[in-house]
C-alpha atoms as a PDB file:
ATOM      1  CA  MET A   1      39.447   9.526   3.512  1.00  0.00           C
ATOM      2  CA  ALA A   2      36.049   7.944   2.952  1.00  0.00           C
ATOM      3  CA  THR A   3      34.616   6.093  -0.011  1.00  0.00           C
ATOM      4  CA  TYR A   4      31.388   7.685  -1.178  1.00  0.00           C
ATOM      5  CA  VAL A   5      29.227   5.197  -3.079  1.00  0.00           C
ATOM      6  CA  LEU A   6      26.719   7.237  -5.077  1.00  0.00           C
ATOM      7  CA  ILE A   7      23.635   5.275  -6.118  1.00  0.00           C
ATOM      8  CA  PRO A   8      21.260   6.924  -8.616  1.00  0.00           C
ATOM      9  CA  GLY A   9      17.485   6.711  -8.607  1.00  0.00           C
ATOM     10  CA  ALA A  10      15.142   5.658 -11.405  1.00  0.00           C
ATOM     11  CA  GLY A  11      16.937   5.431 -14.731  1.00  0.00           C
ATOM     12  CA  GLY A  12      20.118   4.338 -12.977  1.00  0.00           C
ATOM     13  CA  GLN A  13      22.473   6.843 -14.613  1.00  0.00           C
ATOM     14  CA  ALA A  14      25.844   7.471 -13.001  1.00  0.00           C
ATOM     15  CA  TRP A  15      25.786  10.741 -15.003  1.00  0.00           C
ATOM     16  CA  TYR A  16      23.368  12.112 -12.414  1.00  0.00           C
ATOM     17  CA  TRP A  17      26.327  12.498 -10.032  1.00  0.00           C
ATOM     18  CA  HIS A  18      28.743  14.123 -12.481  1.00  0.00           C
ATOM     19  CA  ARG A  19      28.624  17.548 -10.807  1.00  0.00           C
ATOM     20  CA  LEU A  20      28.981  16.131  -7.282  1.00  0.00           C
ATOM     21  CA  VAL A  21      31.887  13.768  -7.982  1.00  0.00           C
ATOM     22  CA  PRO A  22      34.553  16.483  -8.438  1.00  0.00           C
ATOM     23  CA  GLU A  23      33.339  18.284  -5.320  1.00  0.00           C
ATOM     24  CA  LEU A  24      33.794  15.201  -3.145  1.00  0.00           C
ATOM     25  CA  THR A  25      37.069  14.335  -4.886  1.00  0.00           C
ATOM     26  CA  ARG A  26      38.432  17.787  -4.056  1.00  0.00           C
ATOM     27  CA  ARG A  27      37.646  17.038  -0.422  1.00  0.00           C
ATOM     28  CA  GLY A  28      39.979  14.037  -0.585  1.00  0.00           C
ATOM     29  CA  HIS A  29      37.555  11.129  -0.958  1.00  0.00           C
ATOM     30  CA  ASP A  30      37.332   8.085  -3.187  1.00  0.00           C
ATOM     31  CA  ILE A  31      34.143   8.042  -5.271  1.00  0.00           C
ATOM     32  CA  VAL A  32      32.146   5.189  -6.787  1.00  0.00           C
ATOM     33  CA  ALA A  33      29.342   6.488  -9.011  1.00  0.00           C
ATOM     34  CA  VAL A  34      27.241   3.434  -9.807  1.00  0.00           C
ATOM     35  CA  GLU A  35      25.506   2.766 -13.128  1.00  0.00           C
ATOM     36  CA  LEU A  36      22.476   0.522 -12.604  1.00  0.00           C
ATOM     37  CA  PRO A  37      20.906  -1.794 -15.221  1.00  0.00           C
ATOM     38  CA  ALA A  38      17.655   0.153 -15.068  1.00  0.00           C
ATOM     39  CA  GLY A  39      16.549  -0.723 -18.580  1.00  0.00           C
ATOM     40  CA  ASP A  40      17.008  -4.468 -18.100  1.00  0.00           C
ATOM     41  CA  ASP A  41      13.702  -6.257 -17.500  1.00  0.00           C
ATOM     42  CA  THR A  42      15.556  -9.196 -15.959  1.00  0.00           C
ATOM     43  CA  ALA A  43      17.070  -7.006 -13.229  1.00  0.00           C
ATOM     44  CA  GLY A  44      15.258  -6.424  -9.952  1.00  0.00           C
ATOM     45  CA  LEU A  45      16.370  -5.170  -6.554  1.00  0.00           C
ATOM     46  CA  ALA A  46      18.643  -8.167  -5.950  1.00  0.00           C
ATOM     47  CA  GLU A  47      20.425  -7.621  -9.267  1.00  0.00           C
ATOM     48  CA  TYR A  48      20.778  -3.887  -8.535  1.00  0.00           C
ATOM     49  CA  ALA A  49      22.391  -4.786  -5.200  1.00  0.00           C
ATOM     50  CA  ASP A  50      24.755  -7.172  -6.998  1.00  0.00           C
ATOM     51  CA  VAL A  51      25.896  -4.388  -9.333  1.00  0.00           C
ATOM     52  CA  ILE A  52      26.533  -2.029  -6.408  1.00  0.00           C
ATOM     53  CA  VAL A  53      28.445  -4.625  -4.390  1.00  0.00           C
ATOM     54  CA  ASN A  54      30.592  -5.465  -7.436  1.00  0.00           C
ATOM     55  CA  ALA A  55      31.287  -1.758  -8.035  1.00  0.00           C
ATOM     56  CA  ILE A  56      32.436  -1.369  -4.433  1.00  0.00           C
ATOM     57  CA  GLY A  57      34.880  -4.264  -4.705  1.00  0.00           C
ATOM     58  CA  ASP A  58      37.318  -4.345  -1.801  1.00  0.00           C
ATOM     59  CA  ARG A  59      36.968  -0.676  -0.876  1.00  0.00           C
ATOM     60  CA  ALA A  60      36.442   0.222   2.772  1.00  0.00           C
ATOM     61  CA  ASP A  61      35.204   3.203   4.845  1.00  0.00           C
ATOM     62  CA  LEU A  62      31.962   3.150   2.884  1.00  0.00           C
ATOM     63  CA  ILE A  63      29.357   5.888   2.861  1.00  0.00           C
ATOM     64  CA  LEU A  64      26.342   5.008   0.707  1.00  0.00           C
ATOM     65  CA  VAL A  65      24.341   7.904  -0.725  1.00  0.00           C
ATOM     66  CA  ALA A  66      20.983   6.633  -1.987  1.00  0.00           C
ATOM     67  CA  GLN A  67      18.981   8.915  -4.272  1.00  0.00           C
ATOM     68  CA  SER A  68      15.202   8.516  -4.716  1.00  0.00           C
ATOM     69  CA  LEU A  69      14.346   4.933  -5.831  1.00  0.00           C
ATOM     70  CA  SER A  70      17.715   3.629  -4.645  1.00  0.00           C
ATOM     71  CA  GLY A  71      16.540   4.116  -1.064  1.00  0.00           C
ATOM     72  CA  VAL A  72      14.950   0.708  -1.591  1.00  0.00           C
ATOM     73  CA  THR A  73      18.158  -0.959  -2.800  1.00  0.00           C
ATOM     74  CA  ALA A  74      20.818   0.598  -0.567  1.00  0.00           C
ATOM     75  CA  PRO A  75      19.692  -1.237   2.599  1.00  0.00           C
ATOM     76  CA  LEU A  76      20.172  -4.547   0.765  1.00  0.00           C
ATOM     77  CA  VAL A  77      23.779  -3.546   0.109  1.00  0.00           C
ATOM     78  CA  CYS A  78      24.221  -2.720   3.803  1.00  0.00           C
ATOM     79  CA  GLU A  79      23.389  -6.350   4.592  1.00  0.00           C
ATOM     80  CA  ARG A  80      26.222  -7.581   2.362  1.00  0.00           C
ATOM     81  CA  VAL A  81      29.166  -5.204   2.868  1.00  0.00           C
ATOM     82  CA  PRO A  82      30.388  -3.237   5.916  1.00  0.00           C
ATOM     83  CA  VAL A  83      28.886   0.242   5.520  1.00  0.00           C
ATOM     84  CA  ASP A  84      29.882   3.018   7.924  1.00  0.00           C
ATOM     85  CA  LEU A  85      27.009   5.363   7.058  1.00  0.00           C
ATOM     86  CA  LEU A  86      23.898   5.294   4.880  1.00  0.00           C
ATOM     87  CA  ILE A  87      22.659   8.681   3.705  1.00  0.00           C
ATOM     88  CA  MET A  88      19.203   8.642   2.166  1.00  0.00           C
ATOM     89  CA  LEU A  89      18.830  11.545  -0.279  1.00  0.00           C
ATOM     90  CA  ASN A  90      15.287  12.520  -1.341  1.00  0.00           C
ATOM     91  CA  ALA A  91      14.712   8.798  -1.112  1.00  0.00           C
ATOM     92  CA  MET A  92      11.947   6.220  -0.849  1.00  0.00           C
ATOM     93  CA  VAL A  93      11.856   4.512   2.540  1.00  0.00           C
ATOM     94  CA  PRO A  94      10.515   0.960   2.137  1.00  0.00           C
ATOM     95  CA  ALA A  95       8.657  -1.129   4.696  1.00  0.00           C
ATOM     96  CA  PRO A  96       9.142  -4.888   5.163  1.00  0.00           C
ATOM     97  CA  GLY A  97       6.948  -6.841   2.755  1.00  0.00           C
ATOM     98  CA  GLU A  98       5.944  -3.762   0.762  1.00  0.00           C
ATOM     99  CA  SER A  99       6.827  -3.703  -2.920  1.00  0.00           C
ATOM    100  CA  PRO A 100       8.164  -0.435  -4.352  1.00  0.00           C
ATOM    101  CA  GLY A 101       5.076  -0.442  -6.578  1.00  0.00           C
ATOM    102  CA  GLU A 102       2.841  -0.406  -3.498  1.00  0.00           C
ATOM    103  CA  TRP A 103       4.816   2.356  -1.792  1.00  0.00           C
ATOM    104  CA  TRP A 104       3.138   5.186  -3.699  1.00  0.00           C
ATOM    105  CA  SER A 105      -0.408   4.507  -2.563  1.00  0.00           C
ATOM    106  CA  ASN A 106       0.635   3.266   0.883  1.00  0.00           C
ATOM    107  CA  VAL A 107       2.285   6.585   1.755  1.00  0.00           C
ATOM    108  CA  GLY A 108      -0.295   8.821   0.026  1.00  0.00           C
ATOM    109  CA  HIS A 109       2.163  10.145  -2.557  1.00  0.00           C
ATOM    110  CA  ALA A 110      -0.357  11.507  -5.078  1.00  0.00           C
ATOM    111  CA  GLN A 111      -2.265  13.520  -2.486  1.00  0.00           C
ATOM    112  CA  ALA A 112       0.920  14.886  -0.915  1.00  0.00           C
ATOM    113  CA  ARG A 113       2.264  15.939  -4.301  1.00  0.00           C
ATOM    114  CA  ALA A 114      -1.014  17.678  -5.225  1.00  0.00           C
ATOM    115  CA  GLU A 115      -1.171  19.474  -1.874  1.00  0.00           C
ATOM    116  CA  HIS A 116       2.409  20.646  -2.247  1.00  0.00           C
ATOM    117  CA  ALA A 117       1.705  21.968  -5.744  1.00  0.00           C
ATOM    118  CA  ALA A 118      -1.343  23.845  -4.439  1.00  0.00           C
ATOM    119  CA  ARG A 119       0.749  25.492  -1.722  1.00  0.00           C
ATOM    120  CA  GLU A 120       3.107  26.698  -4.437  1.00  0.00           C
ATOM    121  CA  GLY A 121       0.208  27.981  -6.536  1.00  0.00           C
ATOM    122  CA  ARG A 122       0.642  25.300  -9.180  1.00  0.00           C
ATOM    123  CA  THR A 123      -1.897  22.943 -10.721  1.00  0.00           C
ATOM    124  CA  LEU A 124      -0.660  19.508 -11.668  1.00  0.00           C
ATOM    125  CA  SER A 125      -1.313  18.462 -15.233  1.00  0.00           C
ATOM    126  CA  ASP A 126      -2.629  15.033 -16.165  1.00  0.00           C
ATOM    127  CA  GLU A 127       0.695  14.197 -17.794  1.00  0.00           C
ATOM    128  CA  PHE A 128       3.875  14.217 -15.725  1.00  0.00           C
ATOM    129  CA  ASP A 129       6.007  17.266 -16.604  1.00  0.00           C
ATOM    130  CA  VAL A 130       9.652  16.280 -16.130  1.00  0.00           C
ATOM    131  CA  LEU A 131      10.939  19.838 -16.488  1.00  0.00           C
ATOM    132  CA  GLU A 132       8.509  21.253 -13.937  1.00  0.00           C
ATOM    133  CA  GLU A 133       8.795  18.427 -11.428  1.00  0.00           C
ATOM    134  CA  PHE A 134      12.485  17.532 -11.663  1.00  0.00           C
ATOM    135  CA  PHE A 135      14.431  20.303 -13.411  1.00  0.00           C
ATOM    136  CA  HIS A 136      12.756  23.467 -12.117  1.00  0.00           C
ATOM    137  CA  ASP A 137      15.883  24.505 -10.177  1.00  0.00           C
ATOM    138  CA  VAL A 138      18.578  22.861 -12.325  1.00  0.00           C
ATOM    139  CA  PRO A 139      20.766  25.261 -14.387  1.00  0.00           C
ATOM    140  CA  LYS A 140      19.650  25.545 -17.978  1.00  0.00           C
ATOM    141  CA  ASP A 141      22.903  24.222 -19.442  1.00  0.00           C
ATOM    142  CA  VAL A 142      22.779  21.143 -17.217  1.00  0.00           C
ATOM    143  CA  THR A 143      19.118  20.608 -18.105  1.00  0.00           C
ATOM    144  CA  ALA A 144      20.043  20.824 -21.792  1.00  0.00           C
ATOM    145  CA  GLN A 145      22.697  18.139 -21.286  1.00  0.00           C
ATOM    146  CA  ALA A 146      20.164  15.884 -19.594  1.00  0.00           C
ATOM    147  CA  MET A 147      17.627  16.374 -22.368  1.00  0.00           C
ATOM    148  CA  ALA A 148      20.295  15.606 -24.980  1.00  0.00           C
ATOM    149  CA  LEU A 149      21.009  12.289 -23.250  1.00  0.00           C
ATOM    150  CA  GLY A 150      17.351  11.359 -23.624  1.00  0.00           C
ATOM    151  CA  GLU A 151      14.976   9.915 -21.080  1.00  0.00           C
ATOM    152  CA  PRO A 152      16.636   6.952 -19.358  1.00  0.00           C
ATOM    153  CA  ALA A 153      14.804   3.655 -19.470  1.00  0.00           C
ATOM    154  CA  GLN A 154      13.427   2.259 -16.232  1.00  0.00           C
ATOM    155  CA  SER A 155      12.076  -1.269 -16.154  1.00  0.00           C
ATOM    156  CA  GLY A 156       9.101  -2.018 -13.947  1.00  0.00           C
ATOM    157  CA  THR A 157      10.765  -5.169 -12.594  1.00  0.00           C
ATOM    158  CA  PRO A 158      12.177  -3.616  -9.377  1.00  0.00           C
ATOM    159  CA  PHE A 159       8.705  -2.402  -8.402  1.00  0.00           C
ATOM    160  CA  VAL A 160       7.030  -5.817  -8.365  1.00  0.00           C
ATOM    161  CA  LYS A 161       8.465  -7.971  -5.576  1.00  0.00           C
ATOM    162  CA  PRO A 162       8.083  -7.194  -1.852  1.00  0.00           C
ATOM    163  CA  TRP A 163      11.013  -5.528  -0.116  1.00  0.00           C
ATOM    164  CA  PRO A 164      12.866  -8.554   1.279  1.00  0.00           C
ATOM    165  CA  LEU A 165      14.298  -7.323   4.585  1.00  0.00           C
ATOM    166  CA  ALA A 166      12.509  -7.961   7.876  1.00  0.00           C
ATOM    167  CA  ARG A 167      13.907  -4.769   9.375  1.00  0.00           C
ATOM    168  CA  TRP A 168      16.160  -1.819   8.597  1.00  0.00           C
ATOM    169  CA  PRO A 169      19.853  -2.794   8.615  1.00  0.00           C
ATOM    170  CA  ASP A 170      21.908  -2.024  11.703  1.00  0.00           C
ATOM    171  CA  VAL A 171      23.810   0.815  10.037  1.00  0.00           C
ATOM    172  CA  PRO A 172      23.932   4.489  11.063  1.00  0.00           C
ATOM    173  CA  THR A 173      21.365   6.199   8.831  1.00  0.00           C
ATOM    174  CA  ARG A 174      20.756   9.864   8.070  1.00  0.00           C
ATOM    175  CA  PHE A 175      18.058  11.288   5.822  1.00  0.00           C
ATOM    176  CA  LEU A 176      18.752  14.431   3.773  1.00  0.00           C
ATOM    177  CA  GLN A 177      15.734  15.981   2.074  1.00  0.00           C
ATOM    178  CA  SER A 178      15.517  18.960  -0.277  1.00  0.00           C
ATOM    179  CA  ARG A 179      12.958  21.530   0.866  1.00  0.00           C
ATOM    180  CA  ASP A 180      11.886  22.372  -2.692  1.00  0.00           C
ATOM    181  CA  ASP A 181      11.414  18.790  -3.882  1.00  0.00           C
ATOM    182  CA  ARG A 182       8.170  18.749  -5.880  1.00  0.00           C
ATOM    183  CA  PHE A 183       8.152  14.992  -6.421  1.00  0.00           C
ATOM    184  CA  PHE A 184       8.765  13.839  -2.837  1.00  0.00           C
ATOM    185  CA  PRO A 185       7.517  16.841  -0.840  1.00  0.00           C
ATOM    186  CA  LEU A 186       9.226  17.646   2.432  1.00  0.00           C
ATOM    187  CA  GLU A 187       6.026  17.268   4.468  1.00  0.00           C
ATOM    188  CA  LEU A 188       5.514  13.745   3.111  1.00  0.00           C
ATOM    189  CA  GLN A 189       9.104  12.741   3.763  1.00  0.00           C
ATOM    190  CA  ARG A 190       9.082  14.057   7.320  1.00  0.00           C
ATOM    191  CA  ARG A 191       6.126  11.812   8.102  1.00  0.00           C
ATOM    192  CA  ILE A 192       7.439   8.687   6.373  1.00  0.00           C
ATOM    193  CA  VAL A 193      10.936   8.979   7.822  1.00  0.00           C
ATOM    194  CA  LYS A 194       9.594   9.471  11.343  1.00  0.00           C
ATOM    195  CA  GLU A 195       7.157   6.563  11.039  1.00  0.00           C
ATOM    196  CA  ARG A 196       9.471   4.096   9.320  1.00  0.00           C
ATOM    197  CA  LEU A 197      12.957   5.001  10.525  1.00  0.00           C
ATOM    198  CA  GLY A 198      12.217   6.811  13.780  1.00  0.00           C
ATOM    199  CA  ILE A 199      14.570   9.694  12.909  1.00  0.00           C
ATOM    200  CA  GLU A 200      14.207  13.326  11.914  1.00  0.00           C
ATOM    201  CA  VAL A 201      14.872  14.660   8.428  1.00  0.00           C
ATOM    202  CA  ASP A 202      17.890  16.863   7.765  1.00  0.00           C
ATOM    203  CA  GLU A 203      16.957  19.589   5.293  1.00  0.00           C
ATOM    204  CA  MET A 204      18.669  21.629   2.607  1.00  0.00           C
ATOM    205  CA  PRO A 205      17.520  23.873  -0.248  1.00  0.00           C
ATOM    206  CA  GLY A 206      16.931  22.422  -3.694  1.00  0.00           C
ATOM    207  CA  GLY A 207      14.643  20.200  -5.707  1.00  0.00           C
ATOM    208  CA  HIS A 208      14.534  16.457  -6.325  1.00  0.00           C
ATOM    209  CA  LEU A 209      17.694  16.460  -8.470  1.00  0.00           C
ATOM    210  CA  VAL A 210      19.812  18.341  -5.961  1.00  0.00           C
ATOM    211  CA  ALA A 211      23.079  16.757  -7.126  1.00  0.00           C
ATOM    212  CA  LEU A 212      22.535  18.545 -10.435  1.00  0.00           C
ATOM    213  CA  SER A 213      21.248  21.826  -9.029  1.00  0.00           C
ATOM    214  CA  ARG A 214      23.411  22.354  -5.913  1.00  0.00           C
ATOM    215  CA  PRO A 215      26.487  20.082  -6.053  1.00  0.00           C
ATOM    216  CA  VAL A 216      28.738  22.252  -3.888  1.00  0.00           C
ATOM    217  CA  GLU A 217      26.160  22.684  -1.153  1.00  0.00           C
ATOM    218  CA  LEU A 218      25.255  19.001  -1.327  1.00  0.00           C
ATOM    219  CA  ALA A 219      28.906  18.012  -0.911  1.00  0.00           C
ATOM    220  CA  ASP A 220      29.129  20.296   2.127  1.00  0.00           C
ATOM    221  CA  ARG A 221      26.008  18.741   3.662  1.00  0.00           C
ATOM    222  CA  LEU A 222      27.178  15.187   3.029  1.00  0.00           C
ATOM    223  CA  GLU A 223      30.482  15.989   4.671  1.00  0.00           C
ATOM    224  CA  ALA A 224      28.712  17.580   7.628  1.00  0.00           C
ATOM    225  CA  LEU A 225      26.553  14.495   8.107  1.00  0.00           C
ATOM    226  CA  ARG A 226      29.622  12.268   7.898  1.00  0.00           C
ATOM    227  CA  GLN A 227      31.485  14.313  10.494  1.00  0.00           C
ATOM    228  CA  GLU A 228      28.478  14.519  12.823  1.00  0.00           C
ATOM    229  CA  THR A 229      27.708  10.808  12.673  1.00  0.00           C
ATOM    230  CA  LEU A 230      31.043   9.016  12.509  1.00  0.00           C
ATOM    231  CA  PRO A 231      33.791   9.139  15.149  1.00  0.00           C
END
């Protein structure tokens, strides 16, 4: 049995994992779905890491799954607790000394997103369309639940300070990317992951919120990565 520590992206809602949790539980694992203090302007990356470490407690056999923005925080956790495997899921890969706020322009995010939209025959609007970018492949009933919860708050505090690590932690790392992600396009992620982590991207179908759109398939892929990577 492993302990899957599920870390959400911007907005910090543990609810994001609610369709994946039962799938991993049925496979015999302990699950920690973390709720981050995303709306707290006093909380930055260090405080996010504190919350995750406290949620883990004395659990062992840890597999961290870092979604989107939490790709910046999860490595900090790996420096503080013994992690068996870090799985980056449609995640931001930081560089030493780079703030999360600088990441977007440093990696060419806007251009990559526009080019991806053009390949799909879409034109990006001036205002960010959450339904088109994030929920395009999420079932309608799940989308309705998310809309009923309201847009989660996300403070700008975690984006300000430079990423504090001098190098990537010495932890086995895999990167799982959804092929249909409109926010972090596959082509962009392939390049960043190769340049910054020196590994190849593992791919699966789905958009940015794949835990909501394809929980069964995601659970299968996480398990496959665990079995491939760990003895």
